[in-house]
Protein backbone atom coordinates (compact mmCIF):
# COMPACT_ATOMS: atom_id res chain seq x y z
CA MET A 1 -18.83 -61.16 -18.14
CA THR A 2 -20.49 -57.92 -19.22
CA ALA A 3 -18.82 -54.56 -18.91
CA VAL A 4 -20.21 -52.31 -16.13
CA CYS A 5 -20.41 -48.50 -16.45
CA PRO A 6 -17.68 -47.05 -14.17
CA LEU A 7 -20.31 -44.78 -12.64
CA ARG A 8 -22.70 -47.62 -11.94
CA ARG A 9 -20.29 -49.57 -9.82
CA PRO A 10 -19.81 -47.07 -7.10
CA ARG A 11 -23.47 -46.43 -7.04
CA SER A 12 -24.17 -49.98 -6.11
CA PHE A 13 -21.49 -50.02 -3.58
CA ARG A 14 -22.77 -46.84 -2.13
CA LEU A 15 -26.28 -48.20 -1.90
CA LEU A 16 -25.03 -51.28 -0.07
CA ARG A 17 -22.54 -49.32 2.11
CA THR A 18 -24.92 -46.60 3.35
CA ALA A 19 -28.16 -48.69 3.16
CA PRO A 20 -30.41 -45.52 3.28
CA VAL A 21 -34.05 -45.96 4.14
CA LEU A 22 -35.93 -45.09 0.93
CA GLU A 23 -39.50 -44.54 1.13
CA SER A 24 -40.61 -45.69 -2.33
CA PRO A 25 -39.18 -46.90 -5.60
CA ARG A 26 -39.64 -43.32 -6.91
CA HIS A 27 -37.46 -42.00 -4.08
CA GLU A 28 -34.93 -44.73 -4.70
CA LYS A 29 -34.72 -43.67 -8.40
CA ALA A 30 -34.24 -40.03 -7.37
CA TRP A 31 -31.59 -40.96 -4.94
CA LEU A 32 -29.70 -43.12 -7.45
CA LEU A 33 -29.91 -40.21 -10.06
CA ARG A 34 -28.52 -37.68 -7.52
CA VAL A 35 -25.68 -40.11 -6.61
CA ALA A 36 -24.93 -40.60 -10.30
CA ALA A 37 -24.97 -36.99 -10.95
CA ASN A 38 -22.66 -36.25 -7.96
CA LEU A 39 -20.18 -39.07 -9.05
CA SER A 40 -20.09 -37.67 -12.48
CA LYS A 41 -19.30 -34.10 -11.23
CA ASN A 42 -16.62 -35.58 -8.92
CA ARG A 43 -15.12 -37.37 -11.93
CA LEU A 44 -15.16 -34.26 -14.11
CA ASN A 45 -13.52 -32.27 -11.32
CA TYR A 46 -10.95 -35.14 -10.83
CA ASN A 47 -10.16 -35.09 -14.54
CA ARG A 48 -10.00 -31.31 -14.83
CA LEU A 49 -7.51 -31.01 -11.96
CA ARG A 50 -5.21 -33.54 -13.58
CA GLU A 51 -5.32 -31.99 -17.16
CA THR A 52 -1.89 -30.67 -18.08
CA ASP A 53 -0.62 -28.52 -20.97
CA GLU A 54 2.15 -29.55 -23.23
CA LEU A 55 5.55 -28.13 -22.33
CA SER A 56 6.85 -25.50 -24.61
CA ASP A 57 10.54 -25.13 -25.62
CA THR A 58 10.25 -21.38 -25.17
CA LEU A 59 10.35 -19.75 -21.69
CA ALA A 60 7.33 -17.86 -20.59
CA ALA A 61 9.57 -14.95 -19.61
CA GLU A 62 10.86 -14.58 -23.11
CA GLN A 63 7.42 -13.88 -24.47
CA ARG A 64 6.81 -11.16 -21.87
CA GLU A 65 7.96 -7.70 -22.55
CA ASP A 66 10.54 -6.26 -20.36
CA LEU A 67 8.61 -3.51 -18.20
CA SER A 68 11.59 -2.65 -15.98
CA PHE A 69 11.69 0.95 -17.49
CA VAL A 70 8.14 1.39 -16.30
CA TRP A 71 9.21 0.46 -12.63
CA GLU A 72 12.19 2.76 -12.92
CA ALA A 73 9.75 5.54 -13.89
CA VAL A 74 7.61 4.62 -10.93
CA LYS A 75 10.67 5.04 -8.60
CA SER A 76 10.79 8.72 -9.64
CA LEU A 77 7.24 9.48 -8.46
CA PRO A 78 6.52 11.21 -5.17
CA GLU A 79 6.30 8.75 -2.17
CA HIS A 80 2.43 8.78 -1.80
CA ALA A 81 1.89 7.97 -5.50
CA ARG A 82 4.81 5.62 -5.73
CA ALA A 83 3.43 3.52 -2.82
CA ALA A 84 -0.19 3.68 -4.21
CA ILE A 85 0.91 2.52 -7.59
CA HIS A 86 3.10 -0.21 -6.33
CA LEU A 87 0.46 -1.58 -4.04
CA PHE A 88 -2.15 -1.42 -6.70
CA TYR A 89 -0.35 -2.82 -9.70
CA HIS A 90 2.41 -4.93 -8.28
CA GLU A 91 0.83 -6.33 -5.20
CA GLY A 92 -2.75 -6.41 -6.54
CA CYS A 93 -4.30 -4.68 -3.57
CA SER A 94 -7.63 -2.98 -3.79
CA THR A 95 -7.96 0.78 -3.03
CA ALA A 96 -9.70 0.00 0.16
CA GLU A 97 -6.78 -2.26 1.19
CA ILE A 98 -4.23 0.36 0.19
CA ALA A 99 -6.11 3.03 2.19
CA SER A 100 -5.95 0.80 5.36
CA ILE A 101 -2.18 0.00 4.73
CA LEU A 102 -1.22 3.69 4.19
CA ASP A 103 -3.72 4.93 6.73
CA ARG A 104 -5.29 7.36 4.20
CA LYS A 105 -8.84 7.68 2.96
CA GLU A 106 -9.80 5.52 0.02
CA SER A 107 -10.76 8.66 -2.10
CA THR A 108 -7.23 10.04 -1.45
CA VAL A 109 -5.73 6.73 -2.71
CA ARG A 110 -7.70 6.91 -5.86
CA SER A 111 -6.49 10.46 -6.27
CA ASP A 112 -2.91 9.38 -5.67
CA LEU A 113 -3.22 6.64 -8.27
CA ARG A 114 -4.76 9.03 -10.81
CA ARG A 115 -2.11 11.74 -10.25
CA GLY A 116 0.69 9.04 -10.30
CA ARG A 117 -0.63 7.69 -13.66
CA MET A 118 -0.66 11.18 -15.12
CA GLN A 119 2.91 11.73 -13.91
CA LEU A 120 4.03 8.27 -15.23
CA LYS A 121 2.46 9.32 -18.59
CA GLU A 122 4.41 12.35 -18.81
CA ILE A 123 7.75 10.80 -17.66
CA LEU A 124 7.39 7.95 -20.07
CA LYS A 125 6.51 10.35 -22.94
CA GLU A 126 9.56 12.43 -22.30
CA ALA A 127 12.02 9.58 -21.62
CA TYR A 128 10.87 7.11 -24.17
CA ASP A 129 9.03 9.26 -26.77
CA PHE A 130 5.86 6.93 -26.71
CA GLY A 131 3.87 9.72 -28.34
CA PRO A 132 0.22 10.51 -27.87
CA GLU A 133 -1.24 7.01 -27.80
CA LEU A 134 -0.37 6.63 -24.04
């Protein structure tokens, strides 16, 4: 018994199962090629979804810097800047989404973000002596 390509087997079954009306041998060839291409893409997607990474002995959180001091500095900001920065950086909202949540203009939200960043820069410079590179 000869080995059959795994992509060829489903094509044959699909041809028998659906029994499409094909106009010519050229049309049949094009149909079979399209079915083969789609089955190949499906197999690639199937394999990609089931790929796994090897487990590491280290925890992901150990590699991440502790940024709690930044959020402590954010808490000291005025309410409008604090809310905008929290929604933008922590929740991942766009400025348009923040504007609708806070019932403010989008340009005002961008200004709040800019002012909040400037205030955070000053707070972190003073409290943690990060220097001019911030």
